[in-house]
Protein backbone atom coordinates (compact mmCIF):
# COMPACT_ATOMS: atom_id res chain seq x y z
CA MET A 1 -5.16 6.44 -16.33
CA SER A 2 -6.15 9.59 -18.12
CA VAL A 3 -5.94 12.99 -16.51
CA LEU A 4 -7.60 13.20 -13.11
CA THR A 5 -10.82 15.19 -12.96
CA GLU A 6 -11.33 17.92 -10.38
CA GLN A 7 -13.69 15.59 -8.49
CA GLU A 8 -11.07 12.82 -8.44
CA ILE A 9 -8.42 15.24 -7.19
CA ARG A 10 -10.75 16.32 -4.37
CA LEU A 11 -11.50 12.68 -3.49
CA LEU A 12 -7.78 11.85 -3.34
CA GLN A 13 -7.11 14.93 -1.21
CA GLU A 14 -9.80 13.83 1.23
CA LEU A 15 -8.38 10.32 1.36
CA GLU A 16 -4.91 11.73 2.06
CA LYS A 17 -6.33 13.05 5.33
CA GLY A 18 -7.47 9.55 6.28
CA GLU A 19 -9.52 6.63 5.11
CA GLN A 20 -13.18 7.26 4.41
CA THR A 21 -16.16 4.99 5.03
CA ILE A 22 -18.99 5.23 2.52
CA SER A 23 -22.29 3.86 3.75
CA GLY A 24 -25.60 3.02 2.16
CA ASN A 25 -26.45 3.93 -1.39
CA ARG A 26 -24.17 6.98 -1.74
CA ASP A 27 -22.68 7.48 -5.20
CA ARG A 28 -19.32 5.73 -5.54
CA GLN A 29 -18.79 6.25 -9.27
CA GLY A 30 -15.81 8.60 -8.87
CA LEU A 31 -14.16 6.20 -6.46
CA ARG A 32 -14.72 3.23 -8.79
CA ARG A 33 -12.39 4.69 -11.43
CA LEU A 34 -9.74 5.44 -8.80
CA VAL A 35 -9.94 1.87 -7.48
CA GLU A 36 -9.63 0.45 -10.99
CA ALA A 37 -6.53 2.61 -11.59
CA GLY A 38 -4.93 1.38 -8.34
CA TYR A 39 -5.00 4.83 -6.74
CA VAL A 40 -7.42 3.74 -4.02
CA ILE A 41 -8.14 0.43 -2.33
CA GLU A 42 -11.53 -0.57 -1.02
CA GLN A 43 -12.42 -2.85 1.84
CA ILE A 44 -16.03 -3.96 2.05
CA THR A 45 -16.90 -4.34 5.71
CA ASN A 46 -20.54 -5.34 5.37
CA ILE A 47 -23.44 -5.19 2.92
CA SER A 48 -23.60 -1.39 2.96
CA ASP A 49 -20.24 -0.06 4.21
CA THR A 50 -16.99 0.24 2.27
CA ILE A 51 -13.72 1.74 3.51
CA TYR A 52 -11.58 3.59 0.96
CA THR A 53 -7.85 4.24 1.42
CA ILE A 54 -5.41 6.06 -0.88
CA THR A 55 -2.40 4.06 -2.14
CA ALA A 56 1.17 5.19 -2.76
CA LEU A 57 0.34 5.25 -6.47
CA GLY A 58 -2.65 7.46 -5.69
CA ARG A 59 -0.48 9.87 -3.70
CA ALA A 60 1.95 10.10 -6.62
CA ALA A 61 -0.88 10.72 -9.10
CA LEU A 62 -2.30 13.42 -6.83
CA ARG A 63 1.09 15.16 -6.57
CA ALA A 64 1.51 15.02 -10.36
CA ALA A 65 -2.00 16.44 -10.92
CA ILE A 66 -1.43 19.29 -8.49
CA GLU A 67 1.95 20.17 -10.03
CA ASN A 68 0.45 20.45 -13.52
């Protein structure tokens, strides 16, 4: 994955605090790229709710981004 954007860093920092549930038609574009990179996993619970959780790879990418 290319360099993390500031938005992606913030998203990963939020997910480090605990999984997040996104409901309805909220924008998930930033999360999509993180899921595709393997930094975040998603679990669709129903037609409108998705749970996002940071992975070990995501934690490592976040640490690397913060150190640089």
